[in-house]
């Protein structure tokens, strides 16, 4: 039961984090920051934080897995089904 509670808490934190990031993203776009510039800055900030937490090797391993995950649509919010 404790494991389920931990997973639920993590899922809630992820939803809250995404909501905060979406709000900040929308505000930056409204202020005139180009989406691609914002995306690069967000990636830099995220990777830097992950490196501080887990180290360069672990983050490099994560980065290697990204192309396949991207191609599978794991990060695609609006999918077109044909």
PDB file of N, CA and C in Angstrom:
ATOM      1  N   UNK A   1       0.804  -1.194   0.000  1.00  0.00           N
ATOM      2  CA  UNK A   1       0.000   0.000   0.000  1.00  0.00           C
ATOM      3  C   UNK A   1       0.852   1.265   0.000  1.00  0.00           C
ATOM      4  N   UNK A   2       1.940   1.255   0.754  1.00  0.00           N
ATOM      5  CA  UNK A   2       2.799   2.435   0.816  1.00  0.00           C
ATOM      6  C   UNK A   2       3.396   2.743  -0.550  1.00  0.00           C
ATOM      7  N   UNK A   3       3.724   1.687  -1.309  1.00  0.00           N
ATOM      8  CA  UNK A   3       4.274   1.855  -2.655  1.00  0.00           C
ATOM      9  C   UNK A   3       3.270   2.571  -3.553  1.00  0.00           C
ATOM     10  N   UNK A   4       1.977   2.180  -3.473  1.00  0.00           N
ATOM     11  CA  UNK A   4       0.930   2.827  -4.255  1.00  0.00           C
ATOM     12  C   UNK A   4       0.792   4.290  -3.864  1.00  0.00           C
ATOM     13  N   UNK A   5       0.887   4.570  -2.578  1.00  0.00           N
ATOM     14  CA  UNK A   5       0.799   5.940  -2.085  1.00  0.00           C
ATOM     15  C   UNK A   5       1.960   6.780  -2.608  1.00  0.00           C
ATOM     16  N   UNK A   6       3.158   6.202  -2.614  1.00  0.00           N
ATOM     17  CA  UNK A   6       4.331   6.904  -3.141  1.00  0.00           C
ATOM     18  C   UNK A   6       4.166   7.196  -4.626  1.00  0.00           C
ATOM     19  N   UNK A   7       3.673   6.209  -5.381  1.00  0.00           N
ATOM     20  CA  UNK A   7       3.466   6.399  -6.817  1.00  0.00           C
ATOM     21  C   UNK A   7       2.425   7.474  -7.084  1.00  0.00           C
ATOM     22  N   UNK A   8       1.371   7.487  -6.289  1.00  0.00           N
ATOM     23  CA  UNK A   8       0.331   8.500  -6.437  1.00  0.00           C
ATOM     24  C   UNK A   8       0.888   9.887  -6.141  1.00  0.00           C
ATOM     25  N   UNK A   9       1.680   9.994  -5.095  1.00  0.00           N
ATOM     26  CA  UNK A   9       2.280  11.278  -4.740  1.00  0.00           C
ATOM     27  C   UNK A   9       3.221  11.759  -5.845  1.00  0.00           C
ATOM     28  N   UNK A  10       4.003  10.864  -6.409  1.00  0.00           N
ATOM     29  CA  UNK A  10       4.908  11.225  -7.500  1.00  0.00           C
ATOM     30  C   UNK A  10       4.105  11.675  -8.716  1.00  0.00           C
ATOM     31  N   UNK A  11       3.040  10.955  -9.048  1.00  0.00           N
ATOM     32  CA  UNK A  11       2.199  11.324 -10.188  1.00  0.00           C
ATOM     33  C   UNK A  11       1.574  12.700  -9.981  1.00  0.00           C
ATOM     34  N   UNK A  12       1.128  12.989  -8.771  1.00  0.00           N
ATOM     35  CA  UNK A  12       0.548  14.300  -8.465  1.00  0.00           C
ATOM     36  C   UNK A  12       1.594  15.401  -8.594  1.00  0.00           C
ATOM     37  N   UNK A  13       2.804  15.141  -8.124  1.00  0.00           N
ATOM     38  CA  UNK A  13       3.877  16.127  -8.245  1.00  0.00           C
ATOM     39  C   UNK A  13       4.235  16.367  -9.708  1.00  0.00           C
ATOM     40  N   UNK A  14       4.243  15.311 -10.512  1.00  0.00           N
ATOM     41  CA  UNK A  14       4.534  15.469 -11.946  1.00  0.00           C
ATOM     42  C   UNK A  14       3.469  16.314 -12.627  1.00  0.00           C
ATOM     43  N   UNK A  15       2.198  16.072 -12.292  1.00  0.00           N
ATOM     44  CA  UNK A  15       1.116  16.880 -12.873  1.00  0.00           C
ATOM     45  C   UNK A  15       1.256  18.343 -12.462  1.00  0.00           C
ATOM     46  N   UNK A  16       1.549  18.584 -11.198  1.00  0.00           N
ATOM     47  CA  UNK A  16       1.709  19.957 -10.714  1.00  0.00           C
ATOM     48  C   UNK A  16       2.902  20.627 -11.387  1.00  0.00           C
ATOM     49  N   UNK A  17       4.001  19.899 -11.509  1.00  0.00           N
ATOM     50  CA  UNK A  17       5.195  20.459 -12.146  1.00  0.00           C
ATOM     51  C   UNK A  17       4.905  20.828 -13.594  1.00  0.00           C
ATOM     52  N   UNK A  18       4.214  19.950 -14.313  1.00  0.00           N
ATOM     53  CA  UNK A  18       3.887  20.245 -15.706  1.00  0.00           C
ATOM     54  C   UNK A  18       2.960  21.446 -15.805  1.00  0.00           C
ATOM     55  N   UNK A  19       2.037  21.579 -14.870  1.00  0.00           N
ATOM     56  CA  UNK A  19       1.144  22.738 -14.869  1.00  0.00           C
ATOM     57  C   UNK A  19       1.931  24.031 -14.654  1.00  0.00           C
ATOM     58  N   UNK A  20       2.876  24.026 -13.715  1.00  0.00           N
ATOM     59  CA  UNK A  20       3.714  25.206 -13.489  1.00  0.00           C
ATOM     60  C   UNK A  20       4.537  25.541 -14.727  1.00  0.00           C
ATOM     61  N   UNK A  21       5.133  24.527 -15.324  1.00  0.00           N
ATOM     62  CA  UNK A  21       5.962  24.757 -16.506  1.00  0.00           C
ATOM     63  C   UNK A  21       5.132  25.255 -17.682  1.00  0.00           C
ATOM     64  N   UNK A  22       3.947  24.710 -17.854  1.00  0.00           N
ATOM     65  CA  UNK A  22       3.068  25.149 -18.940  1.00  0.00           C
ATOM     66  C   UNK A  22       2.674  26.606 -18.755  1.00  0.00           C
ATOM     67  N   UNK A  23       2.379  26.979 -17.528  1.00  0.00           N
ATOM     68  CA  UNK A  23       2.020  28.371 -17.243  1.00  0.00           C
ATOM     69  C   UNK A  23       3.195  29.309 -17.536  1.00  0.00           C
ATOM     70  N   UNK A  24       4.383  28.940 -17.092  1.00  0.00           N
ATOM     71  CA  UNK A  24       5.569  29.764 -17.342  1.00  0.00           C
ATOM     72  C   UNK A  24       5.870  29.830 -18.841  1.00  0.00           C
ATOM     73  N   UNK A  25       5.699  28.703 -19.518  1.00  0.00           N
ATOM     74  CA  UNK A  25       5.938  28.638 -20.965  1.00  0.00           C
ATOM     75  C   UNK A  25       4.999  29.602 -21.690  1.00  0.00           C
ATOM     76  N   UNK A  26       3.711  29.520 -21.375  1.00  0.00           N
ATOM     77  CA  UNK A  26       2.724  30.385 -22.017  1.00  0.00           C
ATOM     78  C   UNK A  26       3.019  31.856 -21.750  1.00  0.00           C
ATOM     79  N   UNK A  27       3.439  32.164 -20.538  1.00  0.00           N
ATOM     80  CA  UNK A  27       3.775  33.549 -20.193  1.00  0.00           C
ATOM     81  C   UNK A  27       4.978  34.037 -20.996  1.00  0.00           C
ATOM     82  N   UNK A  28       5.992  33.201 -21.131  1.00  0.00           N
ATOM     83  CA  UNK A  28       7.182  33.577 -21.901  1.00  0.00           C
ATOM     84  C   UNK A  28       6.836  33.801 -23.371  1.00  0.00           C
ATOM     85  N   UNK A  29       6.002  32.939 -23.933  1.00  0.00           N
ATOM     86  CA  UNK A  29       5.568  33.094 -25.324  1.00  0.00           C
ATOM     87  C   UNK A  29       4.800  34.407 -25.474  1.00  0.00           C
ATOM     88  N   UNK A  30       3.926  34.705 -24.521  1.00  0.00           N
ATOM     89  CA  UNK A  30       3.153  35.947 -24.554  1.00  0.00           C
ATOM     90  C   UNK A  30       4.056  37.170 -24.471  1.00  0.00           C
ATOM     91  N   UNK A  31       5.212  37.029 -23.828  1.00  0.00           N
ATOM     92  CA  UNK A  31       6.176  38.128 -23.717  1.00  0.00           C
ATOM     93  C   UNK A  31       7.059  38.248 -24.959  1.00  0.00           C
ATOM     94  N   UNK A  32       6.860  37.357 -25.926  1.00  0.00           N
ATOM     95  CA  UNK A  32       7.582  37.474 -27.192  1.00  0.00           C
ATOM     96  C   UNK A  32       8.792  36.575 -27.357  1.00  0.00           C
ATOM     97  N   UNK A  33       9.024  35.675 -26.428  1.00  0.00           N
ATOM     98  CA  UNK A  33      10.148  34.748 -26.577  1.00  0.00           C
ATOM     99  C   UNK A  33       9.748  33.677 -27.581  1.00  0.00           C
ATOM    100  N   UNK A  34      10.610  33.451 -28.566  1.00  0.00           N
ATOM    101  CA  UNK A  34      10.339  32.455 -29.599  1.00  0.00           C
ATOM    102  C   UNK A  34      10.306  31.053 -28.982  1.00  0.00           C
ATOM    103  N   UNK A  35       9.360  30.221 -29.411  1.00  0.00           N
ATOM    104  CA  UNK A  35       9.239  28.878 -28.834  1.00  0.00           C
ATOM    105  C   UNK A  35      10.504  28.034 -28.923  1.00  0.00           C
ATOM    106  N   UNK A  36      11.237  28.114 -30.038  1.00  0.00           N
ATOM    107  CA  UNK A  36      12.451  27.292 -30.150  1.00  0.00           C
ATOM    108  C   UNK A  36      13.543  27.770 -29.202  1.00  0.00           C
ATOM    109  N   UNK A  37      13.628  29.074 -28.974  1.00  0.00           N
ATOM    110  CA  UNK A  37      14.604  29.604 -28.018  1.00  0.00           C
ATOM    111  C   UNK A  37      14.222  29.173 -26.604  1.00  0.00           C
ATOM    112  N   UNK A  38      12.954  29.250 -26.303  1.00  0.00           N
ATOM    113  CA  UNK A  38      12.463  28.821 -24.996  1.00  0.00           C
ATOM    114  C   UNK A  38      12.720  27.330 -24.785  1.00  0.00           C
ATOM    115  N   UNK A  39      12.483  26.537 -25.819  1.00  0.00           N
ATOM    116  CA  UNK A  39      12.700  25.091 -25.716  1.00  0.00           C
ATOM    117  C   UNK A  39      14.164  24.768 -25.448  1.00  0.00           C
ATOM    118  N   UNK A  40      15.071  25.434 -26.155  1.00  0.00           N
ATOM    119  CA  UNK A  40      16.497  25.190 -25.920  1.00  0.00           C
ATOM    120  C   UNK A  40      16.903  25.592 -24.501  1.00  0.00           C
ATOM    121  N   UNK A  41      16.386  26.717 -24.029  1.00  0.00           N
ATOM    122  CA  UNK A  41      16.693  27.146 -22.662  1.00  0.00           C
ATOM    123  C   UNK A  41      16.132  26.152 -21.642  1.00  0.00           C
ATOM    124  N   UNK A  42      14.935  25.644 -21.897  1.00  0.00           N
ATOM    125  CA  UNK A  42      14.326  24.670 -20.983  1.00  0.00           C
ATOM    126  C   UNK A  42      15.121  23.369 -20.964  1.00  0.00           C
ATOM    127  N   UNK A  43      15.559  22.915 -22.134  1.00  0.00           N
ATOM    128  CA  UNK A  43      16.384  21.703 -22.194  1.00  0.00           C
ATOM    129  C   UNK A  43      17.691  21.900 -21.438  1.00  0.00           C
ATOM    130  N   UNK A  44      18.324  23.054 -21.629  1.00  0.00           N
ATOM    131  CA  UNK A  44      19.571  23.340 -20.925  1.00  0.00           C
ATOM    132  C   UNK A  44      19.347  23.309 -19.413  1.00  0.00           C
ATOM    133  N   UNK A  45      18.285  23.977 -18.965  1.00  0.00           N
ATOM    134  CA  UNK A  45      17.996  24.016 -17.527  1.00  0.00           C
ATOM    135  C   UNK A  45      17.708  22.616 -16.989  1.00  0.00           C
ATOM    136  N   UNK A  46      16.917  21.846 -17.728  1.00  0.00           N
ATOM    137  CA  UNK A  46      16.572  20.497 -17.271  1.00  0.00           C
ATOM    138  C   UNK A  46      17.799  19.600 -17.220  1.00  0.00           C
ATOM    139  N   UNK A  47      18.606  19.609 -18.282  1.00  0.00           N
ATOM    140  CA  UNK A  47      19.796  18.759 -18.309  1.00  0.00           C
ATOM    141  C   UNK A  47      20.789  19.174 -17.229  1.00  0.00           C
ATOM    142  N   UNK A  48      20.960  20.471 -17.028  1.00  0.00           N
ATOM    143  CA  UNK A  48      21.876  20.948 -15.987  1.00  0.00           C
ATOM    144  C   UNK A  48      21.438  20.471 -14.609  1.00  0.00           C
ATOM    145  N   UNK A  49      20.136  20.554 -14.346  1.00  0.00           N
ATOM    146  CA  UNK A  49      19.620  20.111 -13.052  1.00  0.00           C
ATOM    147  C   UNK A  49      19.778  18.602 -12.884  1.00  0.00           C
ATOM    148  N   UNK A  50      19.483  17.848 -13.933  1.00  0.00           N
ATOM    149  CA  UNK A  50      19.652  16.393 -13.865  1.00  0.00           C
ATOM    150  C   UNK A  50      21.111  16.011 -13.634  1.00  0.00           C
ATOM    151  N   UNK A  51      22.031  16.721 -14.285  1.00  0.00           N
ATOM    152  CA  UNK A  51      23.460  16.446 -14.094  1.00  0.00           C
ATOM    153  C   UNK A  51      23.864  16.740 -12.656  1.00  0.00           C
ATOM    154  N   UNK A  52      23.372  17.844 -12.106  1.00  0.00           N
ATOM    155  CA  UNK A  52      23.666  18.150 -10.696  1.00  0.00           C
ATOM    156  C   UNK A  52      23.175  17.043  -9.768  1.00  0.00           C
ATOM    157  N   UNK A  53      22.039  16.440 -10.114  1.00  0.00           N
ATOM    158  CA  UNK A  53      21.433  15.414  -9.264  1.00  0.00           C
ATOM    159  C   UNK A  53      22.024  14.030  -9.484  1.00  0.00           C
ATOM    160  N   UNK A  54      22.181  13.634 -10.757  1.00  0.00           N
ATOM    161  CA  UNK A  54      22.539  12.245 -11.073  1.00  0.00           C
ATOM    162  C   UNK A  54      23.929  12.061 -11.669  1.00  0.00           C
ATOM    163  N   UNK A  55      24.552  13.150 -12.120  1.00  0.00           N
ATOM    164  CA  UNK A  55      25.871  13.053 -12.731  1.00  0.00           C
ATOM    165  C   UNK A  55      25.800  12.951 -14.247  1.00  0.00           C
ATOM    166  N   UNK A  56      26.924  13.268 -14.869  1.00  0.00           N
ATOM    167  CA  UNK A  56      26.982  13.332 -16.329  1.00  0.00           C
ATOM    168  C   UNK A  56      26.744  11.981 -16.994  1.00  0.00           C
ATOM    169  N   UNK A  57      27.313  10.912 -16.456  1.00  0.00           N
ATOM    170  CA  UNK A  57      27.158   9.599 -17.087  1.00  0.00           C
ATOM    171  C   UNK A  57      25.697   9.152 -17.116  1.00  0.00           C
ATOM    172  N   UNK A  58      25.002   9.312 -16.019  1.00  0.00           N
ATOM    173  CA  UNK A  58      23.595   8.903 -15.964  1.00  0.00           C
ATOM    174  C   UNK A  58      22.748   9.721 -16.929  1.00  0.00           C
ATOM    175  N   UNK A  59      23.014  11.015 -17.014  1.00  0.00           N
ATOM    176  CA  UNK A  59      22.243  11.873 -17.912  1.00  0.00           C
ATOM    177  C   UNK A  59      22.593  11.564 -19.365  1.00  0.00           C
ATOM    178  N   UNK A  60      23.849  11.259 -19.640  1.00  0.00           N
ATOM    179  CA  UNK A  60      24.239  10.856 -20.994  1.00  0.00           C
ATOM    180  C   UNK A  60      23.511   9.575 -21.392  1.00  0.00           C
ATOM    181  N   UNK A  61      23.388   8.630 -20.466  1.00  0.00           N
ATOM    182  CA  UNK A  61      22.642   7.397 -20.746  1.00  0.00           C
ATOM    183  C   UNK A  61      21.175   7.705 -21.043  1.00  0.00           C
ATOM    184  N   UNK A  62      20.596   8.621 -20.288  1.00  0.00           N
ATOM    185  CA  UNK A  62      19.221   9.040 -20.542  1.00  0.00           C
ATOM    186  C   UNK A  62      19.103   9.657 -21.934  1.00  0.00           C
ATOM    187  N   UNK A  63      20.045  10.527 -22.276  1.00  0.00           N
ATOM    188  CA  UNK A  63      20.006  11.213 -23.564  1.00  0.00           C
ATOM    189  C   UNK A  63      20.083  10.233 -24.733  1.00  0.00           C
ATOM    190  N   UNK A  64      20.825   9.155 -24.564  1.00  0.00           N
ATOM    191  CA  UNK A  64      20.944   8.149 -25.623  1.00  0.00           C
ATOM    192  C   UNK A  64      19.589   7.499 -25.902  1.00  0.00           C
ATOM    193  N   UNK A  65      18.747   7.400 -24.886  1.00  0.00           N
ATOM    194  CA  UNK A  65      17.437   6.759 -25.058  1.00  0.00           C
ATOM    195  C   UNK A  65      16.401   7.692 -25.687  1.00  0.00           C
ATOM    196  N   UNK A  66      16.694   8.972 -25.778  1.00  0.00           N
ATOM    197  CA  UNK A  66      15.691   9.932 -26.233  1.00  0.00           C
ATOM    198  C   UNK A  66      15.242   9.752 -27.684  1.00  0.00           C
ATOM    199  N   UNK A  67      16.133   9.502 -28.652  1.00  0.00           N
ATOM    200  CA  UNK A  67      15.647   9.379 -30.035  1.00  0.00           C
ATOM    201  C   UNK A  67      14.542   8.333 -30.209  1.00  0.00           C
ATOM    202  N   UNK A  68      14.715   7.153 -29.647  1.00  0.00           N
ATOM    203  CA  UNK A  68      13.688   6.113 -29.765  1.00  0.00           C
ATOM    204  C   UNK A  68      12.396   6.528 -29.067  1.00  0.00           C
ATOM    205  N   UNK A  69      12.519   7.154 -27.918  1.00  0.00           N
ATOM    206  CA  UNK A  69      11.331   7.590 -27.178  1.00  0.00           C
ATOM    207  C   UNK A  69      10.586   8.681 -27.948  1.00  0.00           C
ATOM    208  N   UNK A  70      11.329   9.571 -28.582  1.00  0.00           N
ATOM    209  CA  UNK A  70      10.716  10.629 -29.390  1.00  0.00           C
ATOM    210  C   UNK A  70       9.987  10.010 -30.574  1.00  0.00           C
ATOM    211  N   UNK A  71      10.644   9.077 -31.260  1.00  0.00           N
ATOM    212  CA  UNK A  71      10.028   8.425 -32.421  1.00  0.00           C
ATOM    213  C   UNK A  71       8.777   7.632 -32.046  1.00  0.00           C
ATOM    214  N   UNK A  72       8.719   7.098 -30.848  1.00  0.00           N
ATOM    215  CA  UNK A  72       7.534   6.370 -30.381  1.00  0.00           C
ATOM    216  C   UNK A  72       6.403   7.319 -29.973  1.00  0.00           C
ATOM    217  N   UNK A  73       6.676   8.609 -29.973  1.00  0.00           N
ATOM    218  CA  UNK A  73       5.642   9.582 -29.639  1.00  0.00           C
ATOM    219  C   UNK A  73       5.480   9.851 -28.159  1.00  0.00           C
ATOM    220  N   UNK A  74       6.455   9.445 -27.364  1.00  0.00           N
ATOM    221  CA  UNK A  74       6.336   9.595 -25.917  1.00  0.00           C
ATOM    222  C   UNK A  74       6.213  11.056 -25.478  1.00  0.00           C
ATOM    223  N   UNK A  75       6.736  11.973 -26.284  1.00  0.00           N
ATOM    224  CA  UNK A  75       6.703  13.393 -25.928  1.00  0.00           C
ATOM    225  C   UNK A  75       5.764  14.197 -26.823  1.00  0.00           C
ATOM    226  N   UNK A  76       5.007  13.513 -27.671  1.00  0.00           N
ATOM    227  CA  UNK A  76       4.094  14.181 -28.587  1.00  0.00           C
ATOM    228  C   UNK A  76       2.762  14.395 -27.885  1.00  0.00           C
ATOM    229  N   UNK A  77       2.367  15.657 -27.763  1.00  0.00           N
ATOM    230  CA  UNK A  77       1.126  15.968 -27.065  1.00  0.00           C
ATOM    231  C   UNK A  77      -0.084  15.889 -27.988  1.00  0.00           C
ATOM    232  N   UNK A  78       0.093  16.280 -29.247  1.00  0.00           N
ATOM    233  CA  UNK A  78      -1.015  16.267 -30.201  1.00  0.00           C
ATOM    234  C   UNK A  78      -0.668  15.285 -31.309  1.00  0.00           C
ATOM    235  N   UNK A  79      -1.263  14.116 -31.252  1.00  0.00           N
ATOM    236  CA  UNK A  79      -0.961  13.067 -32.223  1.00  0.00           C
ATOM    237  C   UNK A  79      -1.992  13.062 -33.339  1.00  0.00           C
ATOM    238  N   UNK A  80      -1.509  12.814 -34.542  1.00  0.00           N
ATOM    239  CA  UNK A  80      -2.381  12.634 -35.689  1.00  0.00           C
ATOM    240  C   UNK A  80      -2.455  11.146 -35.979  1.00  0.00           C
ATOM    241  N   UNK A  81      -3.648  10.601 -35.930  1.00  0.00           N
ATOM    242  CA  UNK A  81      -3.832   9.174 -36.202  1.00  0.00           C
ATOM    243  C   UNK A  81      -4.399   9.043 -37.605  1.00  0.00           C
ATOM    244  N   UNK A  82      -3.709   8.241 -38.419  1.00  0.00           N
ATOM    245  CA  UNK A  82      -4.153   8.077 -39.813  1.00  0.00           C
ATOM    246  C   UNK A  82      -4.790   6.738 -40.025  1.00  0.00           C
TER     247      UNK A  82
END
